C-alpha atoms as a PDB file:
ATOM      1  CA  UNK A   1     -78.708 152.209-315.744  1.00  0.00           C
ATOM      2  CA  UNK A   2     -77.482 150.773-312.573  1.00  0.00           C
ATOM      3  CA  UNK A   3     -78.440 147.567-311.023  1.00  0.00           C
ATOM      4  CA  UNK A   4     -80.539 149.433-308.186  1.00  0.00           C
ATOM      5  CA  UNK A   5     -82.199 151.532-311.096  1.00  0.00           C
ATOM      6  CA  UNK A   6     -83.121 148.593-313.087  1.00  0.00           C
ATOM      7  CA  UNK A   7     -84.454 146.652-309.805  1.00  0.00           C
ATOM      8  CA  UNK A   8     -86.878 149.779-308.904  1.00  0.00           C
ATOM      9  CA  UNK A   9     -88.308 149.459-312.372  1.00  0.00           C
ATOM     10  CA  UNK A  10     -89.311 145.914-312.242  1.00  0.00           C
ATOM     11  CA  UNK A  11     -92.698 144.638-312.400  1.00  0.00           C
ATOM     12  CA  UNK A  12     -93.153 141.754-310.563  1.00  0.00           C
ATOM     13  CA  UNK A  13     -96.017 140.515-312.544  1.00  0.00           C
ATOM     14  CA  UNK A  14     -94.195 140.657-315.794  1.00  0.00           C
ATOM     15  CA  UNK A  15     -91.130 139.124-313.979  1.00  0.00           C
ATOM     16  CA  UNK A  16     -93.464 136.144-313.212  1.00  0.00           C
ATOM     17  CA  UNK A  17     -95.089 135.760-316.518  1.00  0.00           C
ATOM     18  CA  UNK A  18     -91.549 135.746-318.129  1.00  0.00           C
ATOM     19  CA  UNK A  19     -90.325 133.228-315.729  1.00  0.00           C
ATOM     20  CA  UNK A  20     -93.355 131.076-316.406  1.00  0.00           C
ATOM     21  CA  UNK A  21     -92.501 131.263-320.245  1.00  0.00           C
ATOM     22  CA  UNK A  22     -88.940 130.141-319.552  1.00  0.00           C
ATOM     23  CA  UNK A  23     -90.149 127.406-317.752  1.00  0.00           C
ATOM     24  CA  UNK A  24     -92.404 125.993-320.076  1.00  0.00           C
ATOM     25  CA  UNK A  25     -89.795 126.266-323.115  1.00  0.00           C
ATOM     26  CA  UNK A  26     -87.055 124.703-320.646  1.00  0.00           C
ATOM     27  CA  UNK A  27     -89.161 121.742-319.699  1.00  0.00           C
ATOM     28  CA  UNK A  28     -89.660 120.682-323.193  1.00  0.00           C
ATOM     29  CA  UNK A  29     -92.890 118.918-322.646  1.00  0.00           C
ATOM     30  CA  UNK A  30     -96.382 119.387-320.836  1.00  0.00           C
ATOM     31  CA  UNK A  31     -96.448 120.591-317.233  1.00  0.00           C
ATOM     32  CA  UNK A  32     -99.184 120.685-314.521  1.00  0.00           C
ATOM     33  CA  UNK A  33    -100.260 123.866-312.564  1.00  0.00           C
ATOM     34  CA  UNK A  34     -98.766 121.881-309.615  1.00  0.00           C
ATOM     35  CA  UNK A  35     -95.269 121.049-310.944  1.00  0.00           C
ATOM     36  CA  UNK A  36     -95.045 124.677-312.240  1.00  0.00           C
ATOM     37  CA  UNK A  37     -96.206 126.060-308.833  1.00  0.00           C
ATOM     38  CA  UNK A  38     -93.144 124.156-307.181  1.00  0.00           C
ATOM     39  CA  UNK A  39     -90.850 125.013-309.543  1.00  0.00           C
ATOM     40  CA  UNK A  40     -91.349 128.681-309.530  1.00  0.00           C
ATOM     41  CA  UNK A  41     -92.632 128.999-306.002  1.00  0.00           C
ATOM     42  CA  UNK A  42     -95.786 130.630-307.263  1.00  0.00           C
ATOM     43  CA  UNK A  43     -99.346 129.999-306.073  1.00  0.00           C
ATOM     44  CA  UNK A  44    -101.705 127.985-308.276  1.00  0.00           C
ATOM     45  CA  UNK A  45    -104.280 130.700-308.270  1.00  0.00           C
ATOM     46  CA  UNK A  46    -101.534 133.367-309.641  1.00  0.00           C
ATOM     47  CA  UNK A  47    -100.338 130.858-312.339  1.00  0.00           C
ATOM     48  CA  UNK A  48    -103.752 129.755-313.338  1.00  0.00           C
ATOM     49  CA  UNK A  49    -104.718 133.827-314.016  1.00  0.00           C
ATOM     50  CA  UNK A  50    -101.253 134.088-316.083  1.00  0.00           C
ATOM     51  CA  UNK A  51    -101.873 130.824-318.181  1.00  0.00           C
ATOM     52  CA  UNK A  52    -105.522 132.138-318.997  1.00  0.00           C
ATOM     53  CA  UNK A  53    -103.962 135.372-320.395  1.00  0.00           C
ATOM     54  CA  UNK A  54    -101.286 133.576-322.300  1.00  0.00           C
ATOM     55  CA  UNK A  55    -103.956 130.695-323.502  1.00  0.00           C
ATOM     56  CA  UNK A  56    -106.306 133.567-324.802  1.00  0.00           C
ATOM     57  CA  UNK A  57    -103.357 135.257-326.669  1.00  0.00           C
ATOM     58  CA  UNK A  58    -102.220 131.691-328.144  1.00  0.00           C
ATOM     59  CA  UNK A  59     -98.687 131.717-326.150  1.00  0.00           C
ATOM     60  CA  UNK A  60     -99.860 128.465-324.323  1.00  0.00           C
ATOM     61  CA  UNK A  61    -101.933 125.527-324.991  1.00  0.00           C
ATOM     62  CA  UNK A  62    -103.874 123.099-322.726  1.00  0.00           C
ATOM     63  CA  UNK A  63    -104.141 119.368-323.274  1.00  0.00           C
ATOM     64  CA  UNK A  64    -107.869 118.559-323.581  1.00  0.00           C
ATOM     65  CA  UNK A  65    -107.599 115.252-321.866  1.00  0.00           C
ATOM     66  CA  UNK A  66    -104.481 115.926-319.592  1.00  0.00           C
ATOM     67  CA  UNK A  67    -104.986 119.339-318.756  1.00  0.00           C
ATOM     68  CA  UNK A  68    -101.448 119.911-318.572  1.00  0.00           C
ATOM     69  CA  UNK A  69     -99.906 123.052-320.351  1.00  0.00           C
ATOM     70  CA  UNK A  70     -97.270 123.364-323.252  1.00  0.00           C
ATOM     71  CA  UNK A  71     -95.896 126.466-325.567  1.00  0.00           C
ATOM     72  CA  UNK A  72     -98.637 127.417-328.023  1.00  0.00           C
ATOM     73  CA  UNK A  73     -97.878 128.483-331.865  1.00  0.00           C
ATOM     74  CA  UNK A  74     -97.814 132.028-330.803  1.00  0.00           C
ATOM     75  CA  UNK A  75     -94.720 131.614-328.866  1.00  0.00           C
ATOM     76  CA  UNK A  76     -92.997 129.841-331.516  1.00  0.00           C
ATOM     77  CA  UNK A  77     -94.071 132.362-334.205  1.00  0.00           C
ATOM     78  CA  UNK A  78     -92.678 135.258-332.162  1.00  0.00           C
ATOM     79  CA  UNK A  79     -89.360 133.475-331.379  1.00  0.00           C
ATOM     80  CA  UNK A  80     -88.660 132.767-335.018  1.00  0.00           C
ATOM     81  CA  UNK A  81     -89.483 136.329-336.106  1.00  0.00           C
ATOM     82  CA  UNK A  82     -86.909 137.173-333.509  1.00  0.00           C
ATOM     83  CA  UNK A  83     -84.419 134.795-334.486  1.00  0.00           C
ATOM     84  CA  UNK A  84     -84.767 135.901-338.210  1.00  0.00           C
ATOM     85  CA  UNK A  85     -83.999 139.357-337.506  1.00  0.00           C
ATOM     86  CA  UNK A  86     -80.651 138.711-335.356  1.00  0.00           C
ATOM     87  CA  UNK A  87     -77.819 139.981-337.478  1.00  0.00           C
ATOM     88  CA  UNK A  88     -75.691 137.020-335.902  1.00  0.00           C
ATOM     89  CA  UNK A  89     -78.148 134.320-336.884  1.00  0.00           C
ATOM     90  CA  UNK A  90     -78.803 136.231-340.454  1.00  0.00           C
ATOM     91  CA  UNK A  91     -74.978 136.002-341.078  1.00  0.00           C
ATOM     92  CA  UNK A  92     -74.159 132.797-339.566  1.00  0.00           C
ATOM     93  CA  UNK A  93     -76.984 130.534-340.788  1.00  0.00           C
ATOM     94  CA  UNK A  94     -75.673 130.268-344.431  1.00  0.00           C
ATOM     95  CA  UNK A  95     -71.878 129.615-343.655  1.00  0.00           C
ATOM     96  CA  UNK A  96     -73.185 127.023-341.002  1.00  0.00           C
ATOM     97  CA  UNK A  97     -75.053 125.133-343.507  1.00  0.00           C
ATOM     98  CA  UNK A  98     -71.998 124.980-345.721  1.00  0.00           C
ATOM     99  CA  UNK A  99     -69.611 124.022-343.194  1.00  0.00           C
ATOM    100  CA  UNK A 100     -72.192 121.209-342.086  1.00  0.00           C
ATOM    101  CA  UNK A 101     -72.244 119.924-345.581  1.00  0.00           C
ATOM    102  CA  UNK A 102     -68.372 120.149-345.946  1.00  0.00           C
ATOM    103  CA  UNK A 103     -67.474 118.290-342.868  1.00  0.00           C
ATOM    104  CA  UNK A 104     -70.632 116.145-342.730  1.00  0.00           C
ATOM    105  CA  UNK A 105     -70.991 116.965-338.775  1.00  0.00           C
ATOM    106  CA  UNK A 106     -73.327 119.067-336.719  1.00  0.00           C
ATOM    107  CA  UNK A 107     -72.510 122.771-336.176  1.00  0.00           C
ATOM    108  CA  UNK A 108     -73.799 124.860-333.737  1.00  0.00           C
ATOM    109  CA  UNK A 109     -74.036 128.755-333.025  1.00  0.00           C
ATOM    110  CA  UNK A 110     -73.538 129.110-329.205  1.00  0.00           C
ATOM    111  CA  UNK A 111     -73.951 132.368-327.336  1.00  0.00           C
ATOM    112  CA  UNK A 112     -73.575 133.252-323.501  1.00  0.00           C
ATOM    113  CA  UNK A 113     -76.456 133.477-321.259  1.00  0.00           C
ATOM    114  CA  UNK A 114     -75.392 134.462-317.793  1.00  0.00           C
ATOM    115  CA  UNK A 115     -73.288 131.773-316.448  1.00  0.00           C
ATOM    116  CA  UNK A 116     -74.370 129.285-319.172  1.00  0.00           C
ATOM    117  CA  UNK A 117     -73.645 128.582-322.797  1.00  0.00           C
ATOM    118  CA  UNK A 118     -76.860 128.578-324.898  1.00  0.00           C
ATOM    119  CA  UNK A 119     -76.665 126.496-327.712  1.00  0.00           C
ATOM    120  CA  UNK A 120     -78.764 128.949-330.099  1.00  0.00           C
ATOM    121  CA  UNK A 121     -79.007 127.323-333.572  1.00  0.00           C
ATOM    122  CA  UNK A 122     -77.645 124.144-335.376  1.00  0.00           C
ATOM    123  CA  UNK A 123     -76.975 122.922-338.620  1.00  0.00           C
ATOM    124  CA  UNK A 124     -77.488 119.152-339.402  1.00  0.00           C
ATOM    125  CA  UNK A 125     -75.593 116.535-341.052  1.00  0.00           C
ATOM    126  CA  UNK A 126     -76.522 113.259-342.727  1.00  0.00           C
ATOM    127  CA  UNK A 127     -74.695 110.865-340.525  1.00  0.00           C
ATOM    128  CA  UNK A 128     -76.413 107.875-339.071  1.00  0.00           C
ATOM    129  CA  UNK A 129     -74.632 108.201-335.682  1.00  0.00           C
ATOM    130  CA  UNK A 130     -74.973 111.631-333.939  1.00  0.00           C
ATOM    131  CA  UNK A 131     -74.897 113.156-330.629  1.00  0.00           C
ATOM    132  CA  UNK A 132     -78.532 114.130-329.486  1.00  0.00           C
ATOM    133  CA  UNK A 133     -79.612 117.737-330.762  1.00  0.00           C
ATOM    134  CA  UNK A 134     -78.505 120.302-328.675  1.00  0.00           C
ATOM    135  CA  UNK A 135     -80.515 123.373-329.997  1.00  0.00           C
ATOM    136  CA  UNK A 136     -81.930 125.479-326.857  1.00  0.00           C
ATOM    137  CA  UNK A 137     -79.814 123.478-324.239  1.00  0.00           C
ATOM    138  CA  UNK A 138     -77.694 125.326-321.815  1.00  0.00           C
ATOM    139  CA  UNK A 139     -74.456 124.166-320.365  1.00  0.00           C
ATOM    140  CA  UNK A 140     -72.174 125.827-317.471  1.00  0.00           C
ATOM    141  CA  UNK A 141     -69.365 127.966-319.105  1.00  0.00           C
ATOM    142  CA  UNK A 142     -66.522 125.779-317.772  1.00  0.00           C
ATOM    143  CA  UNK A 143     -67.962 122.603-318.888  1.00  0.00           C
ATOM    144  CA  UNK A 144     -67.624 122.644-322.672  1.00  0.00           C
ATOM    145  CA  UNK A 145     -65.352 123.977-325.359  1.00  0.00           C
ATOM    146  CA  UNK A 146     -67.689 126.781-326.406  1.00  0.00           C
ATOM    147  CA  UNK A 147     -68.423 127.727-322.725  1.00  0.00           C
ATOM    148  CA  UNK A 148     -64.586 128.127-322.042  1.00  0.00           C
ATOM    149  CA  UNK A 149     -63.932 130.184-325.086  1.00  0.00           C
ATOM    150  CA  UNK A 150     -66.798 132.554-324.030  1.00  0.00           C
ATOM    151  CA  UNK A 151     -64.982 132.790-320.728  1.00  0.00           C
ATOM    152  CA  UNK A 152     -61.662 133.383-322.163  1.00  0.00           C
ATOM    153  CA  UNK A 153     -62.772 136.100-324.609  1.00  0.00           C
ATOM    154  CA  UNK A 154     -65.418 137.811-322.219  1.00  0.00           C
ATOM    155  CA  UNK A 155     -65.223 141.459-322.087  1.00  0.00           C
ATOM    156  CA  UNK A 156     -62.127 142.682-319.999  1.00  0.00           C
ATOM    157  CA  UNK A 157     -60.812 139.218-319.515  1.00  0.00           C
ATOM    158  CA  UNK A 158     -57.213 138.771-319.093  1.00  0.00           C
ATOM    159  CA  UNK A 159     -55.236 135.836-317.728  1.00  0.00           C
ATOM    160  CA  UNK A 160     -55.196 137.214-314.164  1.00  0.00           C
ATOM    161  CA  UNK A 161     -58.860 137.583-314.082  1.00  0.00           C
ATOM    162  CA  UNK A 162     -59.837 134.279-315.692  1.00  0.00           C
ATOM    163  CA  UNK A 163     -61.038 131.753-313.500  1.00  0.00           C
ATOM    164  CA  UNK A 164     -58.359 129.340-314.803  1.00  0.00           C
ATOM    165  CA  UNK A 165     -55.741 131.966-316.037  1.00  0.00           C
ATOM    166  CA  UNK A 166     -53.425 129.486-317.711  1.00  0.00           C
ATOM    167  CA  UNK A 167     -55.834 127.849-319.596  1.00  0.00           C
ATOM    168  CA  UNK A 168     -57.870 130.718-320.506  1.00  0.00           C
ATOM    169  CA  UNK A 169     -54.551 132.350-321.871  1.00  0.00           C
ATOM    170  CA  UNK A 170     -54.080 129.422-324.297  1.00  0.00           C
ATOM    171  CA  UNK A 171     -57.640 129.670-325.671  1.00  0.00           C
ATOM    172  CA  UNK A 172     -57.056 133.483-326.311  1.00  0.00           C
ATOM    173  CA  UNK A 173     -53.841 132.625-328.187  1.00  0.00           C
ATOM    174  CA  UNK A 174     -54.819 129.399-330.338  1.00  0.00           C
ATOM    175  CA  UNK A 175     -58.327 130.897-330.693  1.00  0.00           C
ATOM    176  CA  UNK A 176     -59.909 127.386-330.447  1.00  0.00           C
ATOM    177  CA  UNK A 177     -60.670 124.937-327.621  1.00  0.00           C
ATOM    178  CA  UNK A 178     -61.798 121.209-327.742  1.00  0.00           C
ATOM    179  CA  UNK A 179     -63.317 118.926-325.116  1.00  0.00           C
ATOM    180  CA  UNK A 180     -64.531 115.388-324.781  1.00  0.00           C
ATOM    181  CA  UNK A 181     -67.495 114.478-322.601  1.00  0.00           C
ATOM    182  CA  UNK A 182     -68.381 117.849-322.082  1.00  0.00           C
ATOM    183  CA  UNK A 183     -71.730 117.731-323.413  1.00  0.00           C
ATOM    184  CA  UNK A 184     -72.512 114.214-322.675  1.00  0.00           C
ATOM    185  CA  UNK A 185     -70.546 110.904-322.461  1.00  0.00           C
ATOM    186  CA  UNK A 186     -69.057 109.869-325.891  1.00  0.00           C
ATOM    187  CA  UNK A 187     -69.355 113.452-327.314  1.00  0.00           C
ATOM    188  CA  UNK A 188     -66.858 115.861-328.426  1.00  0.00           C
ATOM    189  CA  UNK A 189     -66.898 119.582-329.383  1.00  0.00           C
ATOM    190  CA  UNK A 190     -64.531 121.702-331.333  1.00  0.00           C
ATOM    191  CA  UNK A 191     -65.082 125.523-331.103  1.00  0.00           C
ATOM    192  CA  UNK A 192     -63.783 128.956-332.266  1.00  0.00           C
ATOM    193  CA  UNK A 193     -64.795 132.445-331.432  1.00  0.00           C
ATOM    194  CA  UNK A 194     -66.891 134.680-333.209  1.00  0.00           C
ATOM    195  CA  UNK A 195     -66.325 138.465-333.197  1.00  0.00           C
ATOM    196  CA  UNK A 196     -68.235 141.886-334.396  1.00  0.00           C
ATOM    197  CA  UNK A 197     -67.321 145.264-334.566  1.00  0.00           C
ATOM    198  CA  UNK A 198     -64.767 146.890-331.962  1.00  0.00           C
ATOM    199  CA  UNK A 199     -63.434 143.215-331.595  1.00  0.00           C
ATOM    200  CA  UNK A 200     -66.306 142.330-329.542  1.00  0.00           C
ATOM    201  CA  UNK A 201     -67.283 138.699-328.831  1.00  0.00           C
ATOM    202  CA  UNK A 202     -70.336 137.636-330.667  1.00  0.00           C
ATOM    203  CA  UNK A 203     -70.599 133.897-329.774  1.00  0.00           C
ATOM    204  CA  UNK A 204     -68.752 130.543-330.825  1.00  0.00           C
ATOM    205  CA  UNK A 205     -68.987 128.370-333.769  1.00  0.00           C
ATOM    206  CA  UNK A 206     -68.999 124.716-332.980  1.00  0.00           C
ATOM    207  CA  UNK A 207     -68.757 121.261-334.318  1.00  0.00           C
ATOM    208  CA  UNK A 208     -70.294 118.715-331.911  1.00  0.00           C
ATOM    209  CA  UNK A 209     -69.826 115.000-333.096  1.00  0.00           C
ATOM    210  CA  UNK A 210     -69.182 111.262-331.520  1.00  0.00           C
ATOM    211  CA  UNK A 211     -65.850 111.163-330.037  1.00  0.00           C
ATOM    212  CA  UNK A 212     -64.959 108.304-332.137  1.00  0.00           C
ATOM    213  CA  UNK A 213     -65.255 110.461-335.431  1.00  0.00           C
ATOM    214  CA  UNK A 214     -62.936 113.314-333.685  1.00  0.00           C
ATOM    215  CA  UNK A 215     -59.594 111.906-333.776  1.00  0.00           C
ATOM    216  CA  UNK A 216     -56.584 114.124-333.378  1.00  0.00           C
ATOM    217  CA  UNK A 217     -55.720 113.744-337.099  1.00  0.00           C
ATOM    218  CA  UNK A 218     -59.189 114.396-338.577  1.00  0.00           C
ATOM    219  CA  UNK A 219     -59.379 117.649-336.125  1.00  0.00           C
ATOM    220  CA  UNK A 220     -56.085 119.044-336.994  1.00  0.00           C
ATOM    221  CA  UNK A 221     -56.089 118.439-340.911  1.00  0.00           C
ATOM    222  CA  UNK A 222     -59.813 118.834-341.654  1.00  0.00           C
ATOM    223  CA  UNK A 223     -62.149 120.175-338.923  1.00  0.00           C
ATOM    224  CA  UNK A 224     -60.240 122.740-337.331  1.00  0.00           C
ATOM    225  CA  UNK A 225     -59.128 124.569-340.692  1.00  0.00           C
ATOM    226  CA  UNK A 226     -62.712 124.411-342.003  1.00  0.00           C
ATOM    227  CA  UNK A 227     -63.845 125.764-338.710  1.00  0.00           C
ATOM    228  CA  UNK A 228     -61.633 128.597-338.361  1.00  0.00           C
ATOM    229  CA  UNK A 229     -62.322 129.494-341.860  1.00  0.00           C
ATOM    230  CA  UNK A 230     -65.891 129.509-341.376  1.00  0.00           C
ATOM    231  CA  UNK A 231     -65.703 131.430-338.334  1.00  0.00           C
ATOM    232  CA  UNK A 232     -63.167 133.961-339.901  1.00  0.00           C
ATOM    233  CA  UNK A 233     -66.060 134.558-342.550  1.00  0.00           C
ATOM    234  CA  UNK A 234     -69.057 135.135-340.206  1.00  0.00           C
ATOM    235  CA  UNK A 235     -66.930 137.551-338.076  1.00  0.00           C
ATOM    236  CA  UNK A 236     -66.027 139.302-341.146  1.00  0.00           C
ATOM    237  CA  UNK A 237     -69.762 139.380-342.101  1.00  0.00           C
ATOM    238  CA  UNK A 238     -70.368 141.093-338.719  1.00  0.00           C
ATOM    239  CA  UNK A 239     -67.864 144.158-339.384  1.00  0.00           C
ATOM    240  CA  UNK A 240     -64.776 142.438-337.621  1.00  0.00           C
ATOM    241  CA  UNK A 241     -61.449 143.335-338.905  1.00  0.00           C
ATOM    242  CA  UNK A 242     -59.485 140.209-338.857  1.00  0.00           C
ATOM    243  CA  UNK A 243     -56.097 141.573-340.167  1.00  0.00           C
ATOM    244  CA  UNK A 244     -55.954 144.681-338.462  1.00  0.00           C
ATOM    245  CA  UNK A 245     -56.914 142.801-335.160  1.00  0.00           C
ATOM    246  CA  UNK A 246     -53.880 140.757-335.557  1.00  0.00           C
ATOM    247  CA  UNK A 247     -51.647 143.865-336.267  1.00  0.00           C
ATOM    248  CA  UNK A 248     -51.379 143.069-340.157  1.00  0.00           C
ATOM    249  CA  UNK A 249     -53.089 146.090-341.331  1.00  0.00           C
END
């Protein structure tokens, strides 16, 4: 379906409702109608009608004293059901948990969402000092290691079409990327791509840790080999033939 066809079938009220849910989810805290009205460029009357519908269905709850709104349990329940049925998450989670225990660092599953890298899921560690949890956070693709890999391995991407052709070509060749401070000062991220059938990019597997624990020796001798092995295992579970893709079979 073309963009024009999709636009012709858009239902404005449904779009507004989804934008409202996204705003509440992104905010991470309670919001007033006035704040949402400014953010979404919608009238308070329109927002109130949508809120009343969502509140009746349990997708939105309102504070008794503050009168401000936040996502309700129905929204969380629905999101968990959807996530549980995603093949990528279903195959990745056990591997992520093992990798987090093996390296004692936070492991993330990152996917592309438009021009952003979305940190979709996390396996935590037992370290006392960690980077603040990033689950559900978005970062521009060109600002962090997993985002740069998502750009480099995007469908149809070649060195000539990449925003930074030389750098993207290197990522395609080495199949990993590391950055420092891209996710916040004092943080480092090490990422490898994940593939599914027909060599289609599925996302990225990423280790995120404070930079003082991500020295070059540890990355090369411990973290990168373990991360690549975990990434290969997830890709294989998704139907990706690692050996034939490299011309070995």
